[in-house]
Amino acid sequence: MSAPLQPRSDFVARLAGLVFFVMGAGAIYWQVMLPIRHAQEGMPLIEYSVKLIILGEFFVVMGAWWMIRGLPGYEAVRTIKDRPRAMKWLMAISFTLTLLSWWGIEKLFAAYGYSAQ
């Protein structure tokens, strides 16, 4: 018996990828684009969550991976814990993307006159 919610076909894996991609894009819009718009409008207090931005980025990347690769991409992600080299690459890329996102957002808000508290 297979695990619950595990895709069994290429179409279902790509559909799951689309769902992940849309959820990630929504999180990024909510936590990046709306605060940028609020900064442009000069609102006195802007709140955003770096954790949700990271989660949104992860969902976008995983969703795109599954949409492009389908079921083989899903299986590759499921078995990544058995491949230490792939896990190290994934961690390095994730860490780099996280730092770049954090740095970019901080610089952008600093340009609008906001500082982190």
Protein backbone atom coordinates (compact mmCIF):
# COMPACT_ATOMS: atom_id res chain seq x y z
CA MET A 1 0.00 0.00 0.00
CA SER A 2 1.36 3.42 -0.92
CA ALA A 3 1.68 6.43 1.32
CA PRO A 4 -1.32 8.79 1.39
CA LEU A 5 -1.28 11.63 -1.14
CA GLN A 6 1.59 10.07 -3.06
CA PRO A 7 1.25 10.69 -6.81
CA ARG A 8 1.03 7.49 -8.85
CA SER A 9 1.13 9.03 -12.31
CA ASP A 10 3.09 11.67 -14.15
CA PHE A 11 0.00 13.87 -14.51
CA VAL A 12 -0.75 13.84 -10.78
CA ALA A 13 2.88 14.67 -9.94
CA ARG A 14 2.79 17.62 -12.36
CA LEU A 15 -0.55 18.74 -10.92
CA ALA A 16 0.93 18.59 -7.40
CA GLY A 17 3.80 20.67 -8.74
CA LEU A 18 1.36 23.25 -10.05
CA VAL A 19 -0.38 23.42 -6.66
CA PHE A 20 2.95 23.85 -4.86
CA PHE A 21 4.05 26.50 -7.38
CA VAL A 22 0.85 28.52 -6.97
CA MET A 23 0.99 28.31 -3.16
CA GLY A 24 4.63 29.42 -3.17
CA ALA A 25 3.94 32.27 -5.58
CA GLY A 26 1.05 33.37 -3.36
CA ALA A 27 3.27 33.36 -0.26
CA ILE A 28 5.95 35.36 -2.06
CA TYR A 29 3.39 37.87 -3.30
CA TRP A 30 1.89 38.21 0.18
CA GLN A 31 5.23 38.51 2.00
CA VAL A 32 7.34 40.38 -0.60
CA MET A 33 5.26 42.23 -3.17
CA LEU A 34 2.62 43.63 -0.81
CA PRO A 35 5.19 44.94 1.72
CA ILE A 36 7.13 46.55 -1.16
CA ARG A 37 3.93 48.24 -2.32
CA HIS A 38 3.26 49.40 1.25
CA ALA A 39 6.81 50.82 1.43
CA GLN A 40 6.25 52.70 -1.81
CA GLU A 41 3.05 54.15 -0.36
CA GLY A 42 4.95 55.25 2.77
CA MET A 43 3.09 53.24 5.39
CA PRO A 44 4.60 53.75 8.87
CA LEU A 45 4.91 50.04 9.77
CA ILE A 46 5.61 47.16 7.41
CA GLU A 47 5.56 43.56 8.55
CA TYR A 48 6.72 40.49 6.69
CA SER A 49 7.98 37.04 7.59
CA VAL A 50 11.31 35.81 6.26
CA LYS A 51 10.23 32.28 7.19
CA LEU A 52 7.21 32.50 4.90
CA ILE A 53 9.36 33.96 2.13
CA ILE A 54 11.76 31.01 2.43
CA LEU A 55 8.83 28.59 2.45
CA GLY A 56 7.36 30.31 -0.61
CA GLU A 57 10.68 30.05 -2.44
CA PHE A 58 10.91 26.37 -1.55
CA PHE A 59 7.39 25.73 -2.80
CA VAL A 60 8.05 27.58 -6.07
CA VAL A 61 11.27 25.64 -6.71
CA MET A 62 9.76 22.26 -5.81
CA GLY A 63 6.61 23.01 -7.78
CA ALA A 64 8.59 23.99 -10.86
CA TRP A 65 10.77 20.88 -10.47
CA TRP A 66 7.74 18.61 -10.29
CA MET A 67 5.99 20.36 -13.19
CA ILE A 68 9.08 19.96 -15.38
CA ARG A 69 10.14 16.45 -14.33
CA GLY A 70 6.82 14.88 -13.34
CA LEU A 71 6.87 11.59 -11.44
CA PRO A 72 10.65 11.04 -11.80
CA GLY A 73 11.20 14.46 -10.20
CA TYR A 74 8.90 13.57 -7.34
CA GLU A 75 10.75 10.28 -6.78
CA ALA A 76 14.11 12.10 -6.89
CA VAL A 77 12.97 14.43 -4.11
CA ARG A 78 11.65 11.54 -2.03
CA THR A 79 14.94 9.64 -2.24
CA ILE A 80 17.26 12.60 -1.73
CA LYS A 81 18.02 11.56 1.85
CA ASP A 82 19.74 8.47 0.43
CA ARG A 83 22.09 10.62 -1.70
CA PRO A 84 24.38 12.72 0.53
CA ARG A 85 25.97 14.65 -2.37
CA ALA A 86 22.58 15.75 -3.71
CA MET A 87 21.51 16.70 -0.18
CA LYS A 88 24.62 18.88 0.25
CA TRP A 89 23.96 20.63 -3.07
CA LEU A 90 20.34 21.23 -2.16
CA MET A 91 21.33 22.65 1.22
CA ALA A 92 24.00 24.91 -0.33
CA ILE A 93 21.59 26.23 -2.95
CA SER A 94 18.84 26.74 -0.37
CA PHE A 95 21.19 28.56 1.98
CA THR A 96 22.45 30.81 -0.81
CA LEU A 97 18.93 31.61 -2.00
CA THR A 98 17.85 32.37 1.56
CA LEU A 99 20.76 34.73 2.20
CA LEU A 100 20.26 36.51 -1.13
CA SER A 101 16.54 36.94 -0.43
CA TRP A 102 17.13 38.28 3.06
CA TRP A 103 19.87 40.63 1.87
CA GLY A 104 17.82 41.89 -1.08
CA ILE A 105 14.73 42.58 1.01
CA GLU A 106 16.75 44.39 3.69
CA LYS A 107 18.49 46.55 1.06
CA LEU A 108 15.23 47.34 -0.69
CA PHE A 109 13.48 48.42 2.48
CA ALA A 110 16.55 50.40 3.56
CA ALA A 111 16.33 52.28 0.25
CA TYR A 112 12.76 53.26 1.19
CA GLY A 113 13.93 54.41 4.64
CA TYR A 114 12.85 51.41 6.72
CA SER A 115 15.06 49.47 9.12
CA ALA A 116 14.65 46.08 10.77
CA GLN A 117 13.69 46.13 14.43
